[in-house]
């Protein structure tokens, strides 16, 4: 029997406590595995996910109300329209929706969980389906939203909800290996928003790779995922420099480089910097930015295709599809010097 909470075993549904008991961890660890992946190790996360799969925890897709009332219109909800990553995803979603003769409504949450939920509740009665790009809401709230209309979560894997995300494991491994080859034995991770699921995944992968290579890694406090978020971190970085930085995204990496230059610290002479996204700014920045490429075309079009399939009544893909990432080396990284 299908339920909002997931599959049932016998007469009772599988709960977070069942998963915790079987995996030998606390219920809060199970919760963090799915909503705050940065707070659990890869080995623990894998064990919890394996147990959750075996028990059928949220293995069934959430039942959604029919989207016929809002025929031909899709709501695309993003955290920040000033971020090229999100605008790139939006354009690809629009292109693919147009192919199916659907129009799109673009809405911005400005990183607010409250506003994100309010927007979903407002638009649900008038749209056929909803695409949440990098949603900040907790998993349980996203599942509730998925009951209102067919919904796809982009850049975040939510159990019980149709999702597509980026597999950053290869790109993160390549980035850490690149810095290790250049001679760095310590680095800083410039963190993004605290509520970012993808940011938590990036940190977990980077930390794991650094641990395997004997690299000391420090994590900054959460910062705004903007140029100014990176810019404002420069003085803090210089209080305890590591010689290398991996930033949550390209905008933050470029902001950091600009601020450090004004403080007399040149990239890559004094510090090597790597970003995530490979957006247009990364190619024209000074110096051109070494970054982890993620295909916005595959992510956006894949999300739209998933929603169109849901609207047509097709079953969701299991496991959820992922988009691979890989490192692109440019001039913002160089061999470790005595100064760095």
Protein backbone atom coordinates (compact mmCIF):
# COMPACT_ATOMS: atom_id res chain seq x y z
CA UNK A 1 0.00 0.00 0.00
CA UNK A 2 1.30 3.47 -0.94
CA UNK A 3 1.35 6.19 1.70
CA UNK A 4 2.75 9.72 1.95
CA UNK A 5 5.25 8.50 4.49
CA UNK A 6 6.56 5.68 2.33
CA UNK A 7 6.15 1.93 1.87
CA UNK A 8 4.54 -0.25 4.48
CA UNK A 9 5.81 -3.46 5.98
CA UNK A 10 2.86 -5.54 7.04
CA UNK A 11 0.34 -3.27 8.72
CA UNK A 12 2.63 -0.41 9.81
CA UNK A 13 4.57 2.12 7.77
CA UNK A 14 8.35 2.32 7.96
CA UNK A 15 9.44 5.21 10.18
CA UNK A 16 12.66 7.05 10.83
CA UNK A 17 12.94 5.05 14.08
CA UNK A 18 12.87 1.75 12.18
CA UNK A 19 15.71 2.92 9.94
CA UNK A 20 17.71 4.19 12.92
CA UNK A 21 17.29 0.93 14.83
CA UNK A 22 18.32 -1.22 11.86
CA UNK A 23 21.29 1.02 10.97
CA UNK A 24 22.49 1.29 14.56
CA UNK A 25 22.31 5.09 14.65
CA UNK A 26 20.09 7.71 16.27
CA UNK A 27 16.93 9.01 14.57
CA UNK A 28 18.58 12.44 14.32
CA UNK A 29 21.44 10.89 12.34
CA UNK A 30 18.94 9.42 9.89
CA UNK A 31 17.31 12.83 9.55
CA UNK A 32 20.67 14.54 8.94
CA UNK A 33 21.64 11.92 6.36
CA UNK A 34 18.82 13.07 4.10
CA UNK A 35 18.46 16.76 4.97
CA UNK A 36 21.93 17.86 6.17
CA UNK A 37 24.40 15.49 4.49
CA UNK A 38 27.38 17.60 5.60
CA UNK A 39 26.77 16.47 9.19
CA UNK A 40 27.33 12.74 8.63
CA UNK A 41 30.26 10.80 7.20
CA UNK A 42 30.04 9.12 3.82
CA UNK A 43 30.25 5.65 5.40
CA UNK A 44 27.40 6.42 7.82
CA UNK A 45 25.30 7.95 5.06
CA UNK A 46 25.79 4.90 2.87
CA UNK A 47 24.76 2.56 5.69
CA UNK A 48 21.64 4.59 6.47
CA UNK A 49 20.66 4.82 2.79
CA UNK A 50 21.13 1.08 2.30
CA UNK A 51 18.92 0.31 5.30
CA UNK A 52 16.32 2.85 4.14
CA UNK A 53 16.25 1.22 0.70
CA UNK A 54 15.94 -2.27 2.17
CA UNK A 55 13.07 -1.24 4.47
CA UNK A 56 11.31 0.84 1.82
CA UNK A 57 11.53 4.13 3.74
CA UNK A 58 9.82 6.76 1.53
CA UNK A 59 10.39 4.47 -1.45
CA UNK A 60 7.00 5.25 -3.02
CA UNK A 61 6.44 8.54 -4.80
CA UNK A 62 4.17 11.00 -3.01
CA UNK A 63 0.68 11.03 -4.53
CA UNK A 64 -0.02 14.40 -6.15
CA UNK A 65 -3.27 16.08 -7.05
CA UNK A 66 -4.04 16.25 -10.77
CA UNK A 67 -2.43 19.17 -12.56
CA UNK A 68 -5.22 19.53 -15.13
CA UNK A 69 -6.55 22.72 -13.49
CA UNK A 70 -3.43 24.63 -14.47
CA UNK A 71 -3.06 23.04 -17.90
CA UNK A 72 -0.03 24.30 -19.82
CA UNK A 73 1.76 26.21 -17.03
CA UNK A 74 4.77 25.14 -14.93
CA UNK A 75 6.08 27.06 -11.90
CA UNK A 76 9.88 27.14 -11.60
CA UNK A 77 10.99 28.26 -8.13
CA UNK A 78 14.63 29.24 -7.47
CA UNK A 79 16.55 30.75 -4.53
CA UNK A 80 18.37 33.56 -6.40
CA UNK A 81 17.81 34.98 -9.89
CA UNK A 82 21.13 36.83 -9.66
CA UNK A 83 23.04 33.53 -9.70
CA UNK A 84 24.07 32.35 -13.19
CA UNK A 85 23.75 28.73 -12.13
CA UNK A 86 20.03 29.15 -11.51
CA UNK A 87 19.36 31.28 -14.59
CA UNK A 88 21.16 28.67 -16.71
CA UNK A 89 19.00 25.90 -15.28
CA UNK A 90 15.86 28.02 -15.83
CA UNK A 91 16.61 28.62 -19.53
CA UNK A 92 17.04 24.92 -20.16
CA UNK A 93 13.84 24.11 -18.27
CA UNK A 94 12.01 26.72 -20.37
CA UNK A 95 13.37 25.36 -23.65
CA UNK A 96 12.32 21.81 -22.80
CA UNK A 97 8.89 22.85 -21.50
CA UNK A 98 8.24 24.78 -24.71
CA UNK A 99 8.92 21.60 -26.65
CA UNK A 100 5.91 20.11 -24.86
CA UNK A 101 3.88 23.34 -25.36
CA UNK A 102 4.10 24.34 -21.70
CA UNK A 103 4.81 27.88 -20.51
CA UNK A 104 6.83 28.64 -17.37
CA UNK A 105 6.31 30.97 -14.42
CA UNK A 106 9.62 31.95 -12.75
CA UNK A 107 9.61 32.81 -9.02
CA UNK A 108 12.43 33.71 -6.62
CA UNK A 109 12.58 32.86 -2.91
CA UNK A 110 15.70 34.92 -2.04
CA UNK A 111 16.98 32.00 0.04
CA UNK A 112 13.93 32.13 2.35
CA UNK A 113 12.38 28.83 3.44
CA UNK A 114 9.21 30.62 4.56
CA UNK A 115 8.83 32.40 1.22
CA UNK A 116 9.57 29.18 -0.67
CA UNK A 117 6.68 27.38 1.04
CA UNK A 118 4.37 30.38 0.64
CA UNK A 119 5.07 30.55 -3.10
CA UNK A 120 4.31 26.83 -3.53
CA UNK A 121 1.00 27.19 -1.69
CA UNK A 122 0.09 30.26 -3.77
CA UNK A 123 0.86 28.89 -7.23
CA UNK A 124 -0.25 25.27 -6.74
CA UNK A 125 -3.92 25.95 -7.60
CA UNK A 126 -3.05 27.58 -10.95
CA UNK A 127 -0.22 25.45 -12.40
CA UNK A 128 0.06 21.97 -13.87
CA UNK A 129 3.30 21.19 -12.06
CA UNK A 130 6.14 22.64 -9.99
CA UNK A 131 9.92 22.48 -10.38
CA UNK A 132 11.87 23.37 -7.22
CA UNK A 133 15.49 24.28 -8.02
CA UNK A 134 17.84 23.79 -5.05
CA UNK A 135 14.97 23.95 -2.53
CA UNK A 136 15.83 25.07 1.01
CA UNK A 137 12.79 23.54 2.73
CA UNK A 138 13.18 20.41 4.91
CA UNK A 139 12.48 17.07 3.22
CA UNK A 140 9.15 16.56 5.01
CA UNK A 141 7.92 19.96 3.86
CA UNK A 142 8.93 19.23 0.26
CA UNK A 143 6.98 15.98 0.41
CA UNK A 144 3.94 17.94 1.64
CA UNK A 145 4.33 20.34 -1.29
CA UNK A 146 4.52 17.38 -3.68
CA UNK A 147 1.01 16.41 -2.57
CA UNK A 148 -0.37 19.66 -4.01
CA UNK A 149 0.85 19.21 -7.60
CA UNK A 150 3.27 16.98 -9.52
CA UNK A 151 6.67 18.24 -8.39
CA UNK A 152 10.33 17.76 -9.33
CA UNK A 153 13.22 18.63 -7.01
CA UNK A 154 16.35 19.82 -8.85
CA UNK A 155 19.86 19.70 -7.40
CA UNK A 156 18.54 17.93 -4.32
CA UNK A 157 17.61 14.31 -3.78
CA UNK A 158 14.42 13.96 -1.71
CA UNK A 159 13.10 10.48 -0.90
CA UNK A 160 9.54 10.02 -2.09
CA UNK A 161 9.78 12.98 -4.50
CA UNK A 162 10.78 12.93 -8.17
CA UNK A 163 14.34 14.34 -8.14
CA UNK A 164 17.40 15.00 -10.28
CA UNK A 165 20.72 16.07 -8.79
CA UNK A 166 24.41 16.54 -9.57
CA UNK A 167 26.90 13.83 -8.63
CA UNK A 168 29.85 15.95 -7.49
CA UNK A 169 31.97 13.03 -6.28
CA UNK A 170 34.22 12.84 -9.36
CA UNK A 171 34.67 16.61 -9.60
CA UNK A 172 35.44 16.97 -5.89
CA UNK A 173 37.95 14.13 -6.06
CA UNK A 174 39.65 15.71 -9.08
CA UNK A 175 39.79 19.13 -7.37
CA UNK A 176 41.41 17.82 -4.19
CA UNK A 177 43.80 15.61 -6.20
CA UNK A 178 44.76 18.61 -8.35
CA UNK A 179 45.64 20.70 -5.29
CA UNK A 180 47.51 17.77 -3.73
CA UNK A 181 49.58 17.37 -6.90
CA UNK A 182 50.41 21.09 -6.79
CA UNK A 183 51.88 20.59 -3.31
CA UNK A 184 49.09 21.76 -1.00
CA UNK A 185 48.58 19.93 2.29
CA UNK A 186 45.93 22.23 3.72
CA UNK A 187 42.94 24.01 2.21
CA UNK A 188 39.86 26.02 3.11
CA UNK A 189 36.31 25.25 2.00
CA UNK A 190 34.37 28.49 1.53
CA UNK A 191 30.87 27.38 2.48
CA UNK A 192 27.57 28.56 1.02
CA UNK A 193 24.09 28.79 2.62
CA UNK A 194 23.50 26.67 5.71
CA UNK A 195 20.27 25.29 4.20
CA UNK A 196 21.91 24.20 0.94
CA UNK A 197 21.66 20.41 0.49
CA UNK A 198 24.07 20.47 -2.45
CA UNK A 199 26.54 22.49 -0.38
CA UNK A 200 26.44 19.81 2.30
CA UNK A 201 27.15 17.11 -0.29
CA UNK A 202 30.10 19.11 -1.65
CA UNK A 203 31.62 19.56 1.81
CA UNK A 204 31.21 15.88 2.64
CA UNK A 205 32.94 14.78 -0.57
CA UNK A 206 35.77 17.31 -0.19
CA UNK A 207 36.32 16.39 3.46
CA UNK A 208 36.42 12.68 2.61
CA UNK A 209 38.94 13.19 -0.21
CA UNK A 210 41.14 15.42 1.95
CA UNK A 211 41.08 12.87 4.76
CA UNK A 212 42.16 10.13 2.34
CA UNK A 213 45.08 12.24 1.05
CA UNK A 214 46.24 13.56 4.42
CA UNK A 215 45.17 17.13 3.67
CA UNK A 216 43.99 19.35 6.51
CA UNK A 217 40.75 21.09 5.54
CA UNK A 218 38.97 23.95 7.29
CA UNK A 219 35.36 24.93 6.67
CA UNK A 220 34.21 28.53 6.84
CA UNK A 221 31.01 29.67 8.47
CA UNK A 222 28.06 29.74 6.03
CA UNK A 223 28.25 32.67 3.62
CA UNK A 224 25.88 34.16 1.05
CA UNK A 225 26.35 32.33 -2.31
CA UNK A 226 27.16 35.61 -4.06
CA UNK A 227 30.14 37.68 -5.22
CA UNK A 228 29.88 39.68 -1.99
CA UNK A 229 29.67 36.51 0.08
CA UNK A 230 33.11 35.52 -1.18
CA UNK A 231 34.41 39.09 -1.05
CA UNK A 232 33.50 39.48 2.61
CA UNK A 233 35.40 36.32 3.58
CA UNK A 234 38.82 37.59 2.41
CA UNK A 235 40.00 39.17 5.66
CA UNK A 236 38.85 36.16 7.64
CA UNK A 237 40.81 33.90 5.31
CA UNK A 238 43.99 35.95 5.75
CA UNK A 239 43.74 35.57 9.54
CA UNK A 240 44.65 31.90 9.03
CA UNK A 241 45.54 31.22 5.36
CA UNK A 242 45.85 27.69 4.03
CA UNK A 243 47.20 28.48 0.57
CA UNK A 244 44.25 26.93 -1.28
CA UNK A 245 40.49 27.49 -1.32
CA UNK A 246 37.58 25.57 -2.80
CA UNK A 247 34.48 27.77 -2.90
CA UNK A 248 30.80 26.78 -2.89
CA UNK A 249 30.36 28.38 -6.31
CA UNK A 250 32.15 30.48 -8.92
CA UNK A 251 30.64 33.78 -7.80
CA UNK A 252 32.04 33.33 -4.29
CA UNK A 253 35.42 32.24 -5.65
CA UNK A 254 35.68 35.33 -7.88
CA UNK A 255 34.57 37.66 -5.09
CA UNK A 256 37.24 36.18 -2.83
CA UNK A 257 39.96 36.61 -5.48
CA UNK A 258 39.02 40.27 -6.06
CA UNK A 259 39.03 41.08 -2.33
CA UNK A 260 42.31 39.26 -1.71
CA UNK A 261 43.95 41.17 -4.58
CA UNK A 262 42.97 44.48 -2.92
CA UNK A 263 44.61 43.21 0.26
CA UNK A 264 47.86 42.39 -1.57
CA UNK A 265 47.27 38.64 -1.93
CA UNK A 266 47.48 37.52 -5.57
CA UNK A 267 45.91 34.42 -7.13
CA UNK A 268 47.54 32.02 -7.93
CA UNK A 269 50.86 33.42 -6.68
CA UNK A 270 49.78 33.43 -3.03
CA UNK A 271 46.60 31.35 -3.08
CA UNK A 272 45.00 28.82 -5.43
CA UNK A 273 41.22 29.05 -5.79
CA UNK A 274 38.69 26.59 -7.24
CA UNK A 275 34.96 27.19 -7.76
CA UNK A 276 31.88 25.16 -8.62
CA UNK A 277 29.58 25.69 -11.67
CA UNK A 278 31.81 26.73 -14.64
CA UNK A 279 29.60 29.71 -15.42
CA UNK A 280 30.48 32.45 -17.93
CA UNK A 281 32.16 34.60 -15.28
CA UNK A 282 34.64 31.83 -14.51
CA UNK A 283 35.99 32.07 -18.07
CA UNK A 284 36.44 35.85 -18.13
CA UNK A 285 37.59 36.46 -14.55
CA UNK A 286 41.16 37.50 -13.77
CA UNK A 287 42.69 34.99 -13.64
CA UNK A 288 40.35 32.56 -15.43
CA UNK A 289 38.93 30.30 -12.74
CA UNK A 290 39.66 26.62 -12.21
CA UNK A 291 36.22 25.18 -11.54
CA UNK A 292 34.07 22.08 -11.35
CA UNK A 293 31.82 21.91 -14.39
CA UNK A 294 28.19 20.85 -14.00
CA UNK A 295 25.98 20.57 -17.09
CA UNK A 296 23.08 23.00 -16.70
CA UNK A 297 21.59 21.69 -19.92
CA UNK A 298 21.42 18.12 -18.63
CA UNK A 299 20.09 19.29 -15.26
CA UNK A 300 17.42 21.69 -16.57
CA UNK A 301 16.19 19.61 -19.48
CA UNK A 302 16.28 16.48 -17.34
CA UNK A 303 14.09 18.17 -14.72
CA UNK A 304 11.56 19.29 -17.32
CA UNK A 305 11.45 15.81 -18.87
CA UNK A 306 10.82 14.25 -15.45
CA UNK A 307 7.92 16.61 -14.82
CA UNK A 308 6.42 15.99 -18.27
CA UNK A 309 6.62 12.25 -17.58
CA UNK A 310 4.90 12.73 -14.22
CA UNK A 311 2.14 14.78 -15.84
CA UNK A 312 1.69 12.01 -18.42
CA UNK A 313 1.25 9.47 -15.63
CA UNK A 314 4.58 7.68 -16.01
CA UNK A 315 6.35 6.11 -13.03
CA UNK A 316 9.38 7.96 -11.63
CA UNK A 317 12.91 6.74 -12.25
CA UNK A 318 14.52 4.65 -9.51
CA UNK A 319 17.17 5.51 -8.50
CA UNK A 320 16.85 9.24 -9.17
CA UNK A 321 18.92 10.38 -12.18
CA UNK A 322 22.16 12.30 -11.62
CA UNK A 323 24.32 14.60 -13.72
CA UNK A 324 28.11 14.05 -13.52
CA UNK A 325 30.61 16.81 -12.70
CA UNK A 326 34.27 17.19 -13.63
CA UNK A 327 37.18 19.58 -13.03
CA UNK A 328 38.25 22.19 -15.58
CA UNK A 329 41.75 23.53 -14.90
CA UNK A 330 42.48 27.18 -15.69
CA UNK A 331 44.87 29.80 -14.31
CA UNK A 332 43.54 30.35 -10.76
CA UNK A 333 45.51 27.35 -9.45
CA UNK A 334 49.28 26.99 -9.43
CA UNK A 335 52.10 25.20 -7.65
CA UNK A 336 52.42 25.92 -3.94
CA UNK A 337 54.95 28.64 -3.22
CA UNK A 338 56.81 29.46 -0.03
CA UNK A 339 54.32 32.30 0.59
CA UNK A 340 51.30 30.01 0.22
